[in-house]
N, C-alpha and C. Protein backbone atom coordinates (compact mmCIF):
# COMPACT_ATOMS: atom_id res chain seq x y z
N MET A 1 -31.36 7.41 -2.36
CA MET A 1 -30.05 8.00 -2.10
C MET A 1 -29.91 9.29 -2.90
N ASN A 2 -29.33 10.27 -2.28
CA ASN A 2 -29.12 11.55 -2.93
C ASN A 2 -27.75 11.53 -3.62
N ILE A 3 -27.75 11.23 -4.92
CA ILE A 3 -26.50 11.11 -5.68
C ILE A 3 -25.72 12.41 -5.71
N LYS A 4 -26.41 13.54 -5.83
CA LYS A 4 -25.71 14.83 -5.87
C LYS A 4 -24.95 15.06 -4.57
N LYS A 5 -25.60 14.81 -3.46
CA LYS A 5 -24.96 15.00 -2.15
C LYS A 5 -23.78 14.03 -1.99
N PHE A 6 -24.00 12.78 -2.40
CA PHE A 6 -22.94 11.78 -2.32
C PHE A 6 -21.75 12.19 -3.17
N SER A 7 -22.01 12.63 -4.40
CA SER A 7 -20.94 13.01 -5.32
C SER A 7 -20.20 14.26 -4.88
N ALA A 8 -20.87 15.13 -4.13
CA ALA A 8 -20.24 16.37 -3.65
C ALA A 8 -19.45 16.17 -2.36
N SER A 9 -19.57 14.99 -1.77
CA SER A 9 -18.88 14.74 -0.50
C SER A 9 -17.37 14.74 -0.67
N LYS A 10 -16.69 15.23 0.34
CA LYS A 10 -15.23 15.18 0.39
C LYS A 10 -14.85 13.90 1.13
N TRP A 11 -13.83 13.23 0.66
CA TRP A 11 -13.41 11.96 1.25
C TRP A 11 -11.94 12.02 1.60
N LYS A 12 -11.54 11.22 2.57
CA LYS A 12 -10.12 11.11 2.92
C LYS A 12 -9.81 9.63 3.17
N HIS A 13 -8.54 9.29 3.01
CA HIS A 13 -8.13 7.90 3.24
C HIS A 13 -8.40 7.50 4.68
N ARG A 14 -8.86 6.28 4.84
CA ARG A 14 -9.02 5.71 6.18
C ARG A 14 -7.66 5.16 6.58
N THR A 15 -7.15 5.55 7.72
CA THR A 15 -5.83 5.10 8.17
C THR A 15 -5.94 4.38 9.50
N ASP A 16 -4.90 3.64 9.83
CA ASP A 16 -4.82 2.97 11.12
C ASP A 16 -3.36 2.86 11.51
N THR A 17 -3.12 2.92 12.80
CA THR A 17 -1.78 2.74 13.34
C THR A 17 -1.67 1.31 13.84
N VAL A 18 -0.71 0.57 13.31
CA VAL A 18 -0.51 -0.83 13.65
C VAL A 18 0.75 -0.94 14.51
N GLN A 19 0.59 -1.51 15.69
CA GLN A 19 1.74 -1.69 16.59
C GLN A 19 2.65 -2.79 16.03
N THR A 20 3.93 -2.49 15.90
CA THR A 20 4.91 -3.44 15.36
C THR A 20 6.15 -3.46 16.26
N PRO A 21 6.02 -4.02 17.46
CA PRO A 21 7.15 -4.01 18.40
C PRO A 21 8.39 -4.73 17.87
N GLU A 22 8.19 -5.65 16.93
CA GLU A 22 9.34 -6.36 16.35
C GLU A 22 10.22 -5.46 15.50
N LEU A 23 9.72 -4.27 15.15
CA LEU A 23 10.51 -3.31 14.38
C LEU A 23 11.23 -2.30 15.28
N ALA A 24 11.05 -2.42 16.59
CA ALA A 24 11.64 -1.48 17.54
C ALA A 24 13.15 -1.30 17.38
N PRO A 25 13.91 -2.36 17.11
CA PRO A 25 15.36 -2.17 16.97
C PRO A 25 15.76 -1.20 15.86
N TRP A 26 14.86 -0.92 14.93
CA TRP A 26 15.18 -0.02 13.82
C TRP A 26 14.49 1.33 13.95
N CYS A 27 13.94 1.60 15.13
CA CYS A 27 13.28 2.88 15.39
C CYS A 27 14.19 3.75 16.26
N ALA A 28 14.05 5.05 16.11
CA ALA A 28 14.78 5.97 16.98
C ALA A 28 14.29 5.79 18.41
N GLU A 29 15.10 6.19 19.38
CA GLU A 29 14.76 6.00 20.79
C GLU A 29 13.43 6.65 21.16
N ASP A 30 13.14 7.80 20.59
CA ASP A 30 11.90 8.52 20.92
C ASP A 30 10.75 8.17 19.97
N GLU A 31 10.94 7.18 19.12
CA GLU A 31 9.95 6.80 18.12
C GLU A 31 9.25 5.51 18.53
N LYS A 32 7.93 5.48 18.38
CA LYS A 32 7.17 4.28 18.69
C LYS A 32 7.34 3.27 17.56
N ALA A 33 7.35 2.00 17.92
CA ALA A 33 7.44 0.93 16.92
C ALA A 33 6.05 0.67 16.38
N GLU A 34 5.69 1.44 15.37
CA GLU A 34 4.36 1.32 14.76
C GLU A 34 4.43 1.73 13.30
N CYS A 35 3.46 1.25 12.55
CA CYS A 35 3.35 1.61 11.14
C CYS A 35 1.95 2.16 10.90
N ILE A 36 1.86 3.18 10.10
CA ILE A 36 0.56 3.73 9.71
C ILE A 36 0.28 3.26 8.29
N VAL A 37 -0.89 2.66 8.11
CA VAL A 37 -1.31 2.18 6.79
C VAL A 37 -2.67 2.79 6.45
N ARG A 38 -3.02 2.73 5.18
CA ARG A 38 -4.27 3.34 4.72
C ARG A 38 -5.00 2.41 3.75
N ASN A 39 -6.26 2.77 3.50
CA ASN A 39 -7.03 2.04 2.50
C ASN A 39 -6.54 2.39 1.10
N LEU A 40 -6.84 1.53 0.16
CA LEU A 40 -6.55 1.79 -1.24
C LEU A 40 -7.84 2.16 -1.94
N ASP A 41 -7.72 2.92 -3.02
CA ASP A 41 -8.91 3.17 -3.83
C ASP A 41 -9.02 2.06 -4.88
N ALA A 42 -10.05 2.09 -5.71
CA ALA A 42 -10.31 1.01 -6.66
C ALA A 42 -9.18 0.83 -7.67
N VAL A 43 -8.61 1.93 -8.15
CA VAL A 43 -7.53 1.84 -9.14
C VAL A 43 -6.29 1.23 -8.50
N GLU A 44 -5.96 1.66 -7.30
CA GLU A 44 -4.79 1.11 -6.60
C GLU A 44 -4.98 -0.38 -6.33
N LEU A 45 -6.18 -0.76 -5.91
CA LEU A 45 -6.45 -2.17 -5.65
C LEU A 45 -6.33 -2.99 -6.93
N ALA A 46 -6.83 -2.48 -8.03
CA ALA A 46 -6.71 -3.17 -9.31
C ALA A 46 -5.24 -3.32 -9.70
N CYS A 47 -4.45 -2.28 -9.47
CA CYS A 47 -3.00 -2.35 -9.77
C CYS A 47 -2.33 -3.44 -8.94
N ALA A 48 -2.68 -3.50 -7.66
CA ALA A 48 -2.11 -4.54 -6.80
C ALA A 48 -2.52 -5.93 -7.27
N ASN A 49 -3.78 -6.06 -7.69
CA ASN A 49 -4.27 -7.36 -8.16
C ASN A 49 -3.59 -7.79 -9.46
N GLU A 50 -3.21 -6.83 -10.28
CA GLU A 50 -2.54 -7.14 -11.55
C GLU A 50 -1.02 -7.29 -11.41
N ALA A 51 -0.49 -6.95 -10.25
CA ALA A 51 0.97 -6.96 -10.06
C ALA A 51 1.58 -8.32 -10.34
N ALA A 52 0.92 -9.39 -9.95
CA ALA A 52 1.48 -10.73 -10.16
C ALA A 52 1.63 -11.03 -11.64
N GLY A 53 0.64 -10.68 -12.43
CA GLY A 53 0.73 -10.90 -13.87
C GLY A 53 1.84 -10.09 -14.50
N GLN A 54 1.99 -8.85 -14.04
CA GLN A 54 3.06 -8.00 -14.55
C GLN A 54 4.43 -8.55 -14.19
N ALA A 55 4.55 -9.10 -12.98
CA ALA A 55 5.83 -9.65 -12.54
C ALA A 55 6.24 -10.83 -13.42
N SER A 56 5.29 -11.69 -13.76
CA SER A 56 5.64 -12.83 -14.60
C SER A 56 6.02 -12.38 -16.01
N LYS A 57 5.40 -11.29 -16.50
CA LYS A 57 5.78 -10.74 -17.81
C LYS A 57 7.19 -10.17 -17.76
N ARG A 58 7.52 -9.47 -16.67
CA ARG A 58 8.88 -8.91 -16.53
C ARG A 58 9.90 -10.03 -16.44
N ALA A 59 9.53 -11.13 -15.76
CA ALA A 59 10.44 -12.27 -15.66
C ALA A 59 10.70 -12.86 -17.04
N ALA A 60 9.66 -12.95 -17.86
CA ALA A 60 9.83 -13.47 -19.21
C ALA A 60 10.72 -12.56 -20.04
N ILE A 61 10.57 -11.26 -19.87
CA ILE A 61 11.43 -10.30 -20.57
C ILE A 61 12.88 -10.49 -20.14
N ALA A 62 13.08 -10.66 -18.83
CA ALA A 62 14.44 -10.87 -18.31
C ALA A 62 15.05 -12.12 -18.92
N GLU A 63 14.26 -13.17 -19.03
CA GLU A 63 14.75 -14.42 -19.64
C GLU A 63 15.15 -14.17 -21.09
N GLY A 64 14.31 -13.44 -21.81
CA GLY A 64 14.58 -13.17 -23.22
C GLY A 64 15.81 -12.30 -23.43
N LEU A 65 15.98 -11.30 -22.55
CA LEU A 65 17.13 -10.42 -22.66
C LEU A 65 18.42 -11.12 -22.29
N ALA A 66 18.35 -12.02 -21.36
CA ALA A 66 19.57 -12.63 -20.84
C ALA A 66 20.04 -13.82 -21.65
N GLY A 67 19.17 -14.40 -22.43
CA GLY A 67 19.59 -15.58 -23.18
C GLY A 67 19.83 -16.75 -22.27
N ARG A 68 21.04 -17.27 -22.27
CA ARG A 68 21.32 -18.49 -21.51
C ARG A 68 22.09 -18.26 -20.22
N GLY A 69 22.56 -17.06 -19.98
CA GLY A 69 23.39 -16.82 -18.80
C GLY A 69 22.55 -16.63 -17.54
N ALA A 70 22.63 -17.57 -16.60
CA ALA A 70 21.83 -17.52 -15.38
C ALA A 70 22.17 -16.30 -14.52
N GLU A 71 23.45 -15.97 -14.41
CA GLU A 71 23.86 -14.83 -13.61
C GLU A 71 23.31 -13.52 -14.18
N ILE A 72 23.36 -13.40 -15.49
CA ILE A 72 22.85 -12.19 -16.14
C ILE A 72 21.33 -12.12 -15.97
N THR A 73 20.67 -13.27 -16.14
CA THR A 73 19.22 -13.32 -15.97
C THR A 73 18.83 -12.86 -14.56
N ASP A 74 19.51 -13.37 -13.56
CA ASP A 74 19.22 -12.99 -12.17
C ASP A 74 19.46 -11.51 -11.95
N ALA A 75 20.54 -10.98 -12.51
CA ALA A 75 20.85 -9.56 -12.35
C ALA A 75 19.77 -8.70 -13.01
N ILE A 76 19.33 -9.09 -14.19
CA ILE A 76 18.28 -8.32 -14.88
C ILE A 76 16.98 -8.42 -14.09
N ARG A 77 16.65 -9.61 -13.59
CA ARG A 77 15.44 -9.77 -12.79
C ARG A 77 15.46 -8.85 -11.57
N GLN A 78 16.58 -8.81 -10.88
CA GLN A 78 16.69 -7.94 -9.71
C GLN A 78 16.53 -6.48 -10.11
N PHE A 79 17.16 -6.11 -11.22
CA PHE A 79 17.13 -4.72 -11.66
C PHE A 79 15.72 -4.25 -12.01
N ILE A 80 14.93 -5.09 -12.69
CA ILE A 80 13.59 -4.68 -13.10
C ILE A 80 12.51 -5.13 -12.12
N GLY A 81 12.91 -5.78 -11.04
CA GLY A 81 11.93 -6.16 -10.02
C GLY A 81 11.06 -7.33 -10.42
N ALA A 82 11.56 -8.20 -11.26
CA ALA A 82 10.78 -9.35 -11.69
C ALA A 82 10.77 -10.42 -10.61
N ALA A 83 9.59 -10.91 -10.33
CA ALA A 83 9.44 -11.98 -9.33
C ALA A 83 8.53 -13.04 -9.92
N GLY A 84 8.87 -13.52 -11.10
CA GLY A 84 8.02 -14.48 -11.80
C GLY A 84 7.83 -15.79 -11.10
N ASP A 85 8.76 -16.15 -10.21
CA ASP A 85 8.64 -17.42 -9.50
C ASP A 85 7.96 -17.27 -8.14
N ALA A 86 7.60 -16.06 -7.75
CA ALA A 86 6.93 -15.83 -6.47
C ALA A 86 5.43 -16.10 -6.61
N PRO A 87 4.79 -16.61 -5.56
CA PRO A 87 3.34 -16.80 -5.63
C PRO A 87 2.62 -15.48 -5.90
N ALA A 88 1.54 -15.56 -6.63
CA ALA A 88 0.79 -14.36 -7.01
C ALA A 88 0.35 -13.55 -5.80
N ASP A 89 -0.08 -14.21 -4.73
CA ASP A 89 -0.52 -13.48 -3.54
C ASP A 89 0.62 -12.69 -2.92
N HIS A 90 1.82 -13.25 -2.94
CA HIS A 90 2.98 -12.56 -2.38
C HIS A 90 3.28 -11.28 -3.17
N VAL A 91 3.29 -11.39 -4.49
CA VAL A 91 3.56 -10.24 -5.35
C VAL A 91 2.48 -9.18 -5.13
N ARG A 92 1.24 -9.63 -5.02
CA ARG A 92 0.12 -8.70 -4.77
C ARG A 92 0.32 -7.97 -3.46
N ARG A 93 0.72 -8.69 -2.43
CA ARG A 93 0.92 -8.08 -1.12
C ARG A 93 2.10 -7.11 -1.10
N LEU A 94 3.13 -7.39 -1.87
CA LEU A 94 4.24 -6.44 -1.99
C LEU A 94 3.71 -5.11 -2.54
N GLU A 95 2.85 -5.19 -3.53
CA GLU A 95 2.26 -3.99 -4.12
C GLU A 95 1.31 -3.30 -3.13
N LEU A 96 0.53 -4.08 -2.39
CA LEU A 96 -0.37 -3.52 -1.38
C LEU A 96 0.40 -2.69 -0.36
N LEU A 97 1.52 -3.23 0.11
CA LEU A 97 2.31 -2.53 1.11
C LEU A 97 2.92 -1.25 0.55
N GLN A 98 3.39 -1.31 -0.69
CA GLN A 98 3.95 -0.10 -1.29
C GLN A 98 2.90 0.99 -1.44
N LEU A 99 1.70 0.62 -1.83
CA LEU A 99 0.64 1.60 -2.05
C LEU A 99 -0.03 2.05 -0.76
N GLY A 100 -0.13 1.16 0.23
CA GLY A 100 -0.89 1.45 1.43
C GLY A 100 -0.09 1.87 2.64
N SER A 101 1.22 1.91 2.54
CA SER A 101 2.02 2.34 3.69
C SER A 101 2.10 3.86 3.71
N VAL A 102 1.90 4.43 4.90
CA VAL A 102 1.94 5.88 5.08
C VAL A 102 3.19 6.28 5.83
N LYS A 103 3.44 5.59 6.95
CA LYS A 103 4.63 5.88 7.75
C LYS A 103 5.08 4.60 8.44
N PRO A 104 6.23 4.11 8.14
CA PRO A 104 7.12 4.53 7.07
C PRO A 104 6.55 4.13 5.71
N VAL A 105 7.04 4.76 4.67
CA VAL A 105 6.64 4.38 3.32
C VAL A 105 7.58 3.27 2.86
N PHE A 106 7.00 2.13 2.50
CA PHE A 106 7.80 1.00 2.04
C PHE A 106 7.90 1.03 0.52
N ASP A 107 9.14 1.10 0.00
CA ASP A 107 9.34 0.92 -1.43
C ASP A 107 9.51 -0.58 -1.67
N LEU A 108 9.70 -1.00 -2.91
CA LEU A 108 9.78 -2.43 -3.21
C LEU A 108 10.91 -3.14 -2.45
N PRO A 109 12.14 -2.61 -2.46
CA PRO A 109 13.19 -3.32 -1.72
C PRO A 109 12.87 -3.45 -0.22
N ALA A 110 12.31 -2.41 0.39
CA ALA A 110 11.98 -2.47 1.82
C ALA A 110 10.84 -3.45 2.07
N ALA A 111 9.84 -3.46 1.18
CA ALA A 111 8.72 -4.40 1.32
C ALA A 111 9.22 -5.84 1.19
N MET A 112 10.11 -6.08 0.23
CA MET A 112 10.67 -7.42 0.06
C MET A 112 11.50 -7.83 1.27
N HIS A 113 12.25 -6.90 1.81
CA HIS A 113 13.09 -7.19 2.98
C HIS A 113 12.20 -7.53 4.18
N LEU A 114 11.13 -6.78 4.37
CA LEU A 114 10.19 -7.06 5.46
C LEU A 114 9.55 -8.43 5.27
N ALA A 115 9.09 -8.72 4.05
CA ALA A 115 8.43 -10.00 3.77
C ALA A 115 9.37 -11.18 4.00
N THR A 116 10.62 -11.01 3.64
CA THR A 116 11.59 -12.08 3.79
C THR A 116 11.97 -12.33 5.24
N ASN A 117 12.16 -11.25 5.99
CA ASN A 117 12.70 -11.38 7.34
C ASN A 117 11.66 -11.36 8.46
N LEU A 118 10.55 -10.67 8.24
CA LEU A 118 9.47 -10.62 9.24
C LEU A 118 8.14 -10.88 8.54
N PRO A 119 7.95 -12.12 8.07
CA PRO A 119 6.76 -12.41 7.27
C PRO A 119 5.43 -12.20 8.02
N ALA A 120 5.41 -12.45 9.32
CA ALA A 120 4.16 -12.23 10.07
C ALA A 120 3.80 -10.75 10.11
N THR A 121 4.79 -9.89 10.26
CA THR A 121 4.56 -8.43 10.25
C THR A 121 4.10 -7.98 8.88
N PHE A 122 4.74 -8.52 7.86
CA PHE A 122 4.34 -8.23 6.47
C PHE A 122 2.87 -8.59 6.25
N MET A 123 2.48 -9.77 6.71
CA MET A 123 1.09 -10.21 6.55
C MET A 123 0.14 -9.35 7.39
N LEU A 124 0.55 -9.01 8.60
CA LEU A 124 -0.27 -8.16 9.48
C LEU A 124 -0.57 -6.82 8.80
N LEU A 125 0.46 -6.19 8.26
CA LEU A 125 0.28 -4.87 7.63
C LEU A 125 -0.58 -4.97 6.36
N THR A 126 -0.32 -5.96 5.53
CA THR A 126 -1.09 -6.07 4.29
C THR A 126 -2.53 -6.49 4.57
N ASN A 127 -2.74 -7.32 5.59
CA ASN A 127 -4.12 -7.67 5.97
C ASN A 127 -4.88 -6.44 6.44
N ARG A 128 -4.21 -5.57 7.21
CA ARG A 128 -4.87 -4.36 7.70
C ARG A 128 -5.18 -3.41 6.54
N ILE A 129 -4.28 -3.32 5.58
CA ILE A 129 -4.55 -2.49 4.39
C ILE A 129 -5.80 -3.01 3.67
N LEU A 130 -5.92 -4.32 3.54
CA LEU A 130 -7.09 -4.90 2.90
C LEU A 130 -8.36 -4.64 3.71
N GLU A 131 -8.26 -4.74 5.04
CA GLU A 131 -9.42 -4.45 5.89
C GLU A 131 -9.87 -3.00 5.73
N LEU A 132 -8.92 -2.08 5.76
CA LEU A 132 -9.24 -0.67 5.58
C LEU A 132 -9.83 -0.40 4.20
N THR A 133 -9.31 -1.09 3.20
CA THR A 133 -9.83 -0.93 1.84
C THR A 133 -11.28 -1.40 1.78
N GLY A 134 -11.57 -2.49 2.46
CA GLY A 134 -12.94 -2.98 2.50
C GLY A 134 -13.89 -2.02 3.20
N MET A 135 -13.38 -1.25 4.14
CA MET A 135 -14.20 -0.27 4.86
C MET A 135 -14.42 0.99 4.02
N GLY A 136 -13.55 1.23 3.05
CA GLY A 136 -13.67 2.39 2.18
C GLY A 136 -13.09 3.64 2.81
N ALA A 137 -13.07 4.69 2.03
CA ALA A 137 -12.57 5.99 2.50
C ALA A 137 -13.56 6.57 3.51
N GLU A 138 -13.08 7.56 4.25
CA GLU A 138 -13.93 8.20 5.25
C GLU A 138 -14.50 9.50 4.69
N PRO A 139 -15.82 9.66 4.79
CA PRO A 139 -16.37 10.93 4.35
C PRO A 139 -15.98 12.03 5.32
N GLY A 140 -15.56 13.15 4.76
CA GLY A 140 -15.18 14.29 5.60
C GLY A 140 -16.42 15.04 6.06
N LYS A 141 -16.25 15.82 7.08
CA LYS A 141 -17.36 16.63 7.56
C LYS A 141 -17.51 17.84 6.64
N PRO A 142 -18.74 18.18 6.29
CA PRO A 142 -18.91 19.36 5.45
C PRO A 142 -18.44 20.61 6.17
N LYS A 143 -17.76 21.46 5.45
CA LYS A 143 -17.26 22.70 6.02
C LYS A 143 -18.30 23.80 5.81
N GLY A 144 -18.35 24.70 6.76
CA GLY A 144 -19.24 25.84 6.63
C GLY A 144 -18.70 26.81 5.60
N SER A 145 -19.45 27.83 5.31
CA SER A 145 -19.03 28.81 4.32
C SER A 145 -17.92 29.71 4.85
N GLY A 146 -17.75 29.71 6.18
CA GLY A 146 -16.75 30.58 6.78
C GLY A 146 -17.32 31.92 7.16
N LYS A 147 -18.53 32.16 6.76
CA LYS A 147 -19.18 33.43 7.09
C LYS A 147 -20.07 33.22 8.30
N SER A 148 -20.10 34.23 9.15
CA SER A 148 -20.99 34.17 10.32
C SER A 148 -22.42 34.39 9.88
N ARG A 149 -23.28 33.71 10.60
CA ARG A 149 -24.70 33.92 10.35
C ARG A 149 -25.13 35.27 10.92
N ALA A 150 -25.97 35.93 10.19
CA ALA A 150 -26.49 37.21 10.69
C ALA A 150 -27.37 36.93 11.89
N SER A 151 -27.28 37.77 12.91
CA SER A 151 -28.11 37.56 14.09
C SER A 151 -29.54 38.02 13.81
N GLU A 152 -30.41 37.31 14.48
CA GLU A 152 -31.82 37.67 14.40
C GLU A 152 -32.05 38.89 15.27
N PRO A 153 -32.90 39.83 14.80
CA PRO A 153 -33.21 40.96 15.68
C PRO A 153 -33.97 40.48 16.90
N GLN A 154 -33.67 41.05 18.03
CA GLN A 154 -34.34 40.61 19.27
C GLN A 154 -35.41 41.52 19.69
């Protein structure tokens, strides 16, 4: 393998358009019901994998800050995005969707709303992000110098 050539290659995110007809009621009339998602790089994937651990730490902080008041604890949890009681895979997928969504871009509240109300769509999108991540980024085509080649004398 030519490491220099590999290292000099330009790369771009691998993307895919996922048909989501169940989201049609929230699309403009001239807009297709689809979502564009992309692959994650290694750092983003690691962040998504660590999200569950971070959520449980935030939940513990919320408990400590709130003391004994359940209402205050819940309010603090919502404010800091703690989901300590959610399964680790769910928290990971929330992070995957936030990082891998291109159009529309899902922030945490939107990702949670999608997961709660359209769980199959949530799983479809996050599974596709994982598939694209497994395929890796796409190598770009090398660009020419922009200069014309001198013609050979005839």
